[in-house]
Amino acid sequence: MIFSINFVRTCKTFDWLREHFLRICTIAIVLLSFCSSKRSDQYSYLLVAAAFWGVQRNSLPISWKRFLWTGIPLVLFPILLWRYFPPLWNEVVYWQLGTSAHLLNLETLFRAIPGNDGRIFRVIQTPWLTSYFRWIYANGFALPVLIPIYRSFFAKDSLSMIRYSLSAHILQFIIIFPFYLTITVREVWYVLGHPDGMARQLTNSDAAVVVVNCFPSMHTSVAFAMFLLAWRERDRLFRWVWTIYCLSIIYSTLYLEIHWITDVIAGILLALTAVTLGDWIISTFTVKRKSLEHSPNYQKNPKYS
């Protein structure tokens, strides 16, 4: 009798641990963040903790065995993208600098627009704010996409993983590439002759590569797209944390004199285009898949059922 009671209690304990595993890990991450000697490390820990705290609210009622057939490739894709794409992009930039493909130089126009350098966003500047926004900008291209993708993985939501990937780098690189090839706009600090807001200590040759391709602002477009998609999630904490995080990325581009206000406006329009196009692609694919499944010749593969 005693053995049976202890066995039941043990089973209930394991069930509780399994149910709250992610939240236990989240609490551990927060505690570790306070032990970190670097403030910038704490930002990353707290972002992950906030993102995963309420992931169970978005969890879909499907088995891991069924989900992993699509979940593993989808979670590996962004890892491979960030492993192999940056060197390819650098090659494109160097090739671009060696050609005369640019049809328009908009720097003179952008500089002539009153307030377009974003000076209103630098009225208040402190060492802490500068440090914060430097971390935000340095991590504002990958983290706002990767964390929601991993979060959707643990929610077993392959559709959200596809939506985040499509609306961010996949579609945006395709849409933005013609702008970068044909329009010249360099970073605000470089054009105005100010110190680099990111304090990157760039040489003249490095600066020639880093400061090009400002219009539209892709930091803005990626952040705003992730902001729009985050508000489709059920978890209120994740929605608000991602709102603050993504809007901070956009603000950092102006605070650090990286982008012109016109770059930011164009980036927001790019994000709206990418999210709308991503929704259309997913909707079209879903409709075609449903029509295929209802066709008389359709045979379901037992491996995915």
Protein backbone atom coordinates (compact mmCIF):
# COMPACT_ATOMS: atom_id res chain seq x y z
CA MET A 1 0.00 0.00 0.00
CA ILE A 2 2.80 2.40 0.98
CA PHE A 3 4.72 1.43 -2.16
CA SER A 4 1.68 2.23 -4.31
CA ILE A 5 1.26 5.66 -2.69
CA ASN A 6 4.96 6.49 -3.17
CA PHE A 7 4.81 5.31 -6.78
CA VAL A 8 1.82 7.53 -7.49
CA ARG A 9 3.55 10.51 -5.89
CA THR A 10 6.69 9.86 -7.93
CA CYS A 11 4.66 9.69 -11.14
CA LYS A 12 2.90 12.95 -10.28
CA THR A 13 6.27 14.59 -9.60
CA PHE A 14 7.62 13.50 -12.97
CA ASP A 15 4.46 14.68 -14.68
CA TRP A 16 4.78 18.07 -13.00
CA LEU A 17 8.45 18.37 -14.00
CA ARG A 18 7.65 17.43 -17.59
CA GLU A 19 4.79 19.92 -17.75
CA HIS A 20 6.82 22.78 -16.30
CA PHE A 21 10.22 21.85 -17.74
CA LEU A 22 10.54 24.97 -19.91
CA ARG A 23 9.56 27.28 -17.07
CA ILE A 24 12.09 25.64 -14.77
CA CYS A 25 14.74 26.21 -17.43
CA THR A 26 13.55 29.79 -17.81
CA ILE A 27 13.93 30.46 -14.08
CA ALA A 28 17.43 28.93 -14.22
CA ILE A 29 18.34 31.24 -17.12
CA VAL A 30 17.17 34.31 -15.18
CA LEU A 31 19.18 33.26 -12.12
CA LEU A 32 22.27 32.72 -14.27
CA SER A 33 21.85 36.16 -15.78
CA PHE A 34 22.34 37.76 -12.36
CA CYS A 35 25.59 35.84 -11.96
CA SER A 36 26.97 37.19 -15.22
CA SER A 37 29.72 39.80 -14.93
CA LYS A 38 28.80 41.33 -18.29
CA ARG A 39 25.58 43.32 -18.53
CA SER A 40 25.24 42.52 -22.25
CA ASP A 41 25.04 38.80 -21.47
CA GLN A 42 22.09 39.46 -19.17
CA TYR A 43 20.13 41.01 -22.01
CA SER A 44 20.35 37.80 -24.04
CA TYR A 45 19.40 35.59 -21.10
CA LEU A 46 16.42 37.72 -20.18
CA LEU A 47 15.19 37.84 -23.79
CA VAL A 48 15.26 34.05 -24.02
CA ALA A 49 13.56 33.71 -20.63
CA ALA A 50 10.77 36.12 -21.54
CA ALA A 51 10.23 34.45 -24.91
CA PHE A 52 9.96 30.92 -23.53
CA TRP A 53 8.05 31.59 -20.31
CA GLY A 54 4.58 31.26 -21.84
CA VAL A 55 5.41 29.04 -24.80
CA GLN A 56 2.91 26.41 -23.60
CA ARG A 57 0.08 28.81 -24.45
CA ASN A 58 1.06 28.42 -28.11
CA SER A 59 1.82 24.70 -27.98
CA LEU A 60 -0.09 22.65 -30.53
CA PRO A 61 -1.66 19.30 -29.56
CA ILE A 62 0.43 17.11 -31.85
CA SER A 63 3.01 14.48 -30.99
CA TRP A 64 6.73 15.22 -31.13
CA LYS A 65 7.19 12.20 -33.37
CA ARG A 66 4.90 13.71 -35.96
CA PHE A 67 6.24 17.26 -35.59
CA LEU A 68 9.97 16.54 -35.77
CA TRP A 69 9.83 15.46 -39.43
CA THR A 70 9.23 19.09 -40.34
CA GLY A 71 10.48 20.79 -37.16
CA ILE A 72 14.10 19.65 -37.37
CA PRO A 73 14.72 20.91 -40.95
CA LEU A 74 12.98 24.19 -40.11
CA VAL A 75 15.06 24.78 -36.99
CA LEU A 76 18.30 23.84 -38.78
CA PHE A 77 17.63 26.17 -41.71
CA PRO A 78 18.33 29.49 -39.89
CA ILE A 79 21.46 27.99 -38.30
CA LEU A 80 22.81 27.04 -41.72
CA LEU A 81 21.70 30.40 -43.11
CA TRP A 82 23.74 32.33 -40.53
CA ARG A 83 26.67 29.97 -41.00
CA TYR A 84 27.02 30.31 -44.78
CA PHE A 85 25.19 33.45 -45.88
CA PRO A 86 27.30 36.29 -44.32
CA PRO A 87 30.46 35.39 -46.33
CA LEU A 88 28.34 35.26 -49.50
CA TRP A 89 26.79 38.64 -48.69
CA ASN A 90 30.25 40.16 -48.15
CA GLU A 91 31.30 38.91 -51.57
CA VAL A 92 28.24 40.58 -53.07
CA VAL A 93 29.08 43.86 -51.34
CA TYR A 94 32.69 43.81 -52.56
CA TRP A 95 31.51 43.05 -56.09
CA GLN A 96 28.97 45.83 -55.79
CA LEU A 97 31.65 48.35 -54.74
CA GLY A 98 33.73 47.41 -57.77
CA THR A 99 30.94 48.09 -60.27
CA SER A 100 29.09 51.17 -61.43
CA ALA A 101 25.68 49.53 -60.98
CA HIS A 102 24.30 52.28 -58.76
CA LEU A 103 21.90 54.46 -60.68
CA LEU A 104 21.01 56.87 -57.86
CA ASN A 105 22.97 58.56 -55.09
CA LEU A 106 20.42 59.84 -52.59
CA GLU A 107 22.80 61.08 -49.90
CA THR A 108 22.57 64.75 -50.91
CA LEU A 109 18.78 64.55 -51.00
CA PHE A 110 18.51 62.76 -47.65
CA ARG A 111 20.94 65.18 -46.01
CA ALA A 112 18.91 68.16 -47.27
CA ILE A 113 15.65 66.94 -45.69
CA PRO A 114 15.20 68.79 -42.35
CA GLY A 115 15.62 66.46 -39.38
CA ASN A 116 16.18 63.42 -41.60
CA ASP A 117 19.42 62.62 -39.76
CA GLY A 118 17.31 61.64 -36.72
CA ARG A 119 18.79 64.22 -34.37
CA ILE A 120 15.52 64.35 -32.43
CA PHE A 121 16.19 60.76 -31.29
CA ARG A 122 19.52 61.81 -29.75
CA VAL A 123 18.27 64.61 -27.51
CA ILE A 124 18.89 62.38 -24.47
CA GLN A 125 22.18 60.47 -24.53
CA THR A 126 23.77 58.69 -21.58
CA PRO A 127 26.57 56.07 -21.34
CA TRP A 128 24.04 53.43 -20.26
CA LEU A 129 21.70 54.16 -23.16
CA THR A 130 24.58 54.11 -25.61
CA SER A 131 25.78 50.76 -24.27
CA TYR A 132 22.23 49.37 -24.41
CA PHE A 133 21.56 50.52 -27.95
CA ARG A 134 24.95 49.26 -29.17
CA TRP A 135 24.06 45.79 -27.90
CA ILE A 136 20.58 46.09 -29.39
CA TYR A 137 21.91 47.05 -32.83
CA ALA A 138 24.71 44.46 -32.81
CA ASN A 139 22.20 41.68 -32.09
CA GLY A 140 19.22 43.21 -33.91
CA PHE A 141 19.59 41.29 -37.13
CA ALA A 142 19.56 37.69 -35.91
CA LEU A 143 18.05 37.40 -32.42
CA PRO A 144 14.63 38.92 -33.25
CA VAL A 145 14.16 36.12 -35.79
CA LEU A 146 16.02 33.18 -34.28
CA ILE A 147 14.40 33.29 -30.83
CA PRO A 148 10.79 33.26 -32.17
CA ILE A 149 11.73 30.39 -34.52
CA TYR A 150 13.16 28.33 -31.66
CA ARG A 151 10.17 29.29 -29.52
CA SER A 152 7.81 28.04 -32.24
CA PHE A 153 9.84 24.82 -32.38
CA PHE A 154 9.13 24.10 -28.72
CA ALA A 155 5.48 24.98 -29.36
CA LYS A 156 5.51 22.38 -32.18
CA ASP A 157 4.22 25.06 -34.54
CA SER A 158 5.88 24.50 -37.92
CA LEU A 159 3.63 27.03 -39.64
CA SER A 160 4.86 29.83 -37.36
CA MET A 161 8.47 28.76 -37.96
CA ILE A 162 7.91 29.07 -41.70
CA ARG A 163 6.12 32.41 -41.29
CA TYR A 164 8.94 33.92 -39.21
CA SER A 165 11.61 32.72 -41.65
CA LEU A 166 9.71 33.86 -44.73
CA SER A 167 8.77 37.30 -43.43
CA ALA A 168 12.28 38.05 -42.23
CA HIS A 169 15.41 37.21 -44.15
CA ILE A 170 14.16 34.99 -46.97
CA LEU A 171 11.72 37.38 -48.61
CA GLN A 172 13.40 40.55 -47.41
CA PHE A 173 16.76 39.71 -48.98
CA ILE A 174 15.02 39.10 -52.29
CA ILE A 175 13.02 42.33 -52.11
CA ILE A 176 15.84 44.56 -50.83
CA PHE A 177 18.60 43.36 -53.17
CA PRO A 178 17.60 45.58 -56.15
CA PHE A 179 17.61 48.65 -53.86
CA TYR A 180 21.11 47.89 -52.61
CA LEU A 181 22.38 47.41 -56.16
CA THR A 182 20.94 50.59 -57.61
CA ILE A 183 20.82 53.16 -54.76
CA THR A 184 23.73 54.63 -52.83
CA VAL A 185 23.07 55.82 -49.28
CA ARG A 186 25.76 55.64 -46.61
CA GLU A 187 25.37 55.75 -42.84
CA VAL A 188 24.51 59.06 -41.18
CA TRP A 189 27.64 59.35 -39.03
CA TYR A 190 29.89 58.70 -42.04
CA VAL A 191 28.17 61.27 -44.24
CA LEU A 192 28.11 63.93 -41.51
CA GLY A 193 31.70 63.26 -40.44
CA HIS A 194 30.76 62.26 -36.87
CA PRO A 195 32.32 59.47 -34.76
CA ASP A 196 30.93 55.99 -35.39
CA GLY A 197 28.01 55.44 -33.03
CA MET A 198 28.92 51.76 -32.72
CA ALA A 199 32.58 52.59 -31.92
CA ARG A 200 33.73 49.90 -34.35
CA GLN A 201 37.17 51.46 -34.94
CA LEU A 202 36.82 50.91 -38.68
CA THR A 203 39.66 51.45 -41.10
CA ASN A 204 38.93 53.41 -44.27
CA SER A 205 38.67 50.20 -46.32
CA ASP A 206 36.41 48.53 -43.75
CA ALA A 207 34.20 51.59 -43.51
CA ALA A 208 33.77 51.62 -47.27
CA VAL A 209 32.10 48.20 -46.98
CA VAL A 210 30.22 48.61 -43.70
CA VAL A 211 28.54 51.98 -44.30
CA VAL A 212 26.96 51.23 -47.68
CA ASN A 213 23.47 49.82 -48.34
CA CYS A 214 21.41 51.93 -45.93
CA PHE A 215 18.20 52.30 -47.93
CA PRO A 216 15.95 50.66 -46.86
CA SER A 217 17.04 49.88 -43.30
CA MET A 218 17.00 46.10 -43.03
CA HIS A 219 17.47 46.24 -39.26
CA THR A 220 14.19 48.16 -39.23
CA SER A 221 12.41 45.87 -41.69
CA VAL A 222 13.39 42.67 -39.86
CA ALA A 223 12.50 44.12 -36.45
CA PHE A 224 9.16 45.52 -37.59
CA ALA A 225 8.18 42.27 -39.32
CA MET A 226 8.93 40.32 -36.12
CA PHE A 227 6.97 42.90 -34.12
CA LEU A 228 3.92 42.37 -36.37
CA LEU A 229 4.14 38.58 -36.15
CA ALA A 230 4.74 38.56 -32.39
CA TRP A 231 1.33 40.16 -31.88
CA ARG A 232 -0.27 37.06 -33.38
CA GLU A 233 1.02 34.96 -30.47
CA ARG A 234 -1.21 34.14 -27.49
CA ASP A 235 1.41 34.82 -24.83
CA ARG A 236 0.97 38.42 -23.62
CA LEU A 237 4.43 38.58 -22.01
CA PHE A 238 6.12 37.57 -25.26
CA ARG A 239 4.09 40.12 -27.23
CA TRP A 240 5.08 43.03 -25.02
CA VAL A 241 8.72 42.03 -24.57
CA TRP A 242 9.10 41.61 -28.32
CA THR A 243 7.39 44.95 -28.86
CA ILE A 244 9.94 46.71 -26.65
CA TYR A 245 12.83 44.75 -28.15
CA CYS A 246 11.90 45.26 -31.80
CA LEU A 247 11.07 48.95 -31.38
CA SER A 248 14.39 49.38 -29.54
CA ILE A 249 16.17 47.98 -32.60
CA ILE A 250 14.50 50.57 -34.82
CA TYR A 251 15.27 53.35 -32.32
CA SER A 252 18.92 52.25 -32.09
CA THR A 253 19.47 52.83 -35.81
CA LEU A 254 18.59 56.51 -35.27
CA TYR A 255 20.19 56.95 -31.84
CA LEU A 256 23.54 55.61 -33.11
CA GLU A 257 23.40 57.66 -36.36
CA ILE A 258 23.31 54.53 -38.52
CA HIS A 259 20.19 55.22 -40.60
CA TRP A 260 18.28 58.21 -41.90
CA ILE A 261 14.60 58.55 -41.04
CA THR A 262 13.79 57.87 -44.70
CA ASP A 263 15.68 54.55 -44.40
CA VAL A 264 13.52 53.63 -41.41
CA ILE A 265 10.25 54.54 -43.15
CA ALA A 266 11.28 52.46 -46.18
CA GLY A 267 12.21 49.60 -43.84
CA ILE A 268 8.75 49.63 -42.25
CA LEU A 269 7.14 49.51 -45.71
CA LEU A 270 9.46 46.62 -46.63
CA ALA A 271 8.38 44.75 -43.49
CA LEU A 272 4.69 45.22 -44.32
CA THR A 273 5.34 43.93 -47.84
CA ALA A 274 7.29 40.89 -46.64
CA VAL A 275 4.70 39.91 -44.00
CA THR A 276 1.83 40.32 -46.48
CA LEU A 277 3.67 38.32 -49.13
CA GLY A 278 4.58 35.64 -46.59
CA ASP A 279 0.94 35.33 -45.53
CA TRP A 280 -0.10 35.02 -49.18
CA ILE A 281 2.47 32.29 -49.89
CA ILE A 282 1.45 30.29 -46.82
CA SER A 283 -2.27 30.76 -47.55
CA THR A 284 -1.83 29.68 -51.17
CA PHE A 285 0.22 26.63 -50.21
CA THR A 286 -2.29 25.65 -47.49
CA VAL A 287 -5.25 25.89 -49.89
CA LYS A 288 -3.46 23.78 -52.51
CA ARG A 289 -2.46 21.21 -49.91
CA LYS A 290 -6.03 20.90 -48.60
CA SER A 291 -7.38 20.50 -52.12
CA LEU A 292 -4.76 17.81 -52.77
CA GLU A 293 -5.65 15.95 -49.56
CA HIS A 294 -9.32 15.88 -50.55
CA SER A 295 -8.58 14.57 -54.04
CA PRO A 296 -9.53 10.89 -54.63
CA ASN A 297 -5.98 9.94 -55.68
CA TYR A 298 -4.30 11.33 -52.54
CA GLN A 299 -2.53 8.77 -50.33
CA LYS A 300 -1.24 9.93 -46.94
CA ASN A 301 2.31 8.92 -46.10
CA PRO A 302 2.12 7.02 -42.78
CA LYS A 303 5.49 8.46 -41.80
CA TYR A 304 3.95 11.93 -41.38
CA SER A 305 0.61 10.87 -39.90
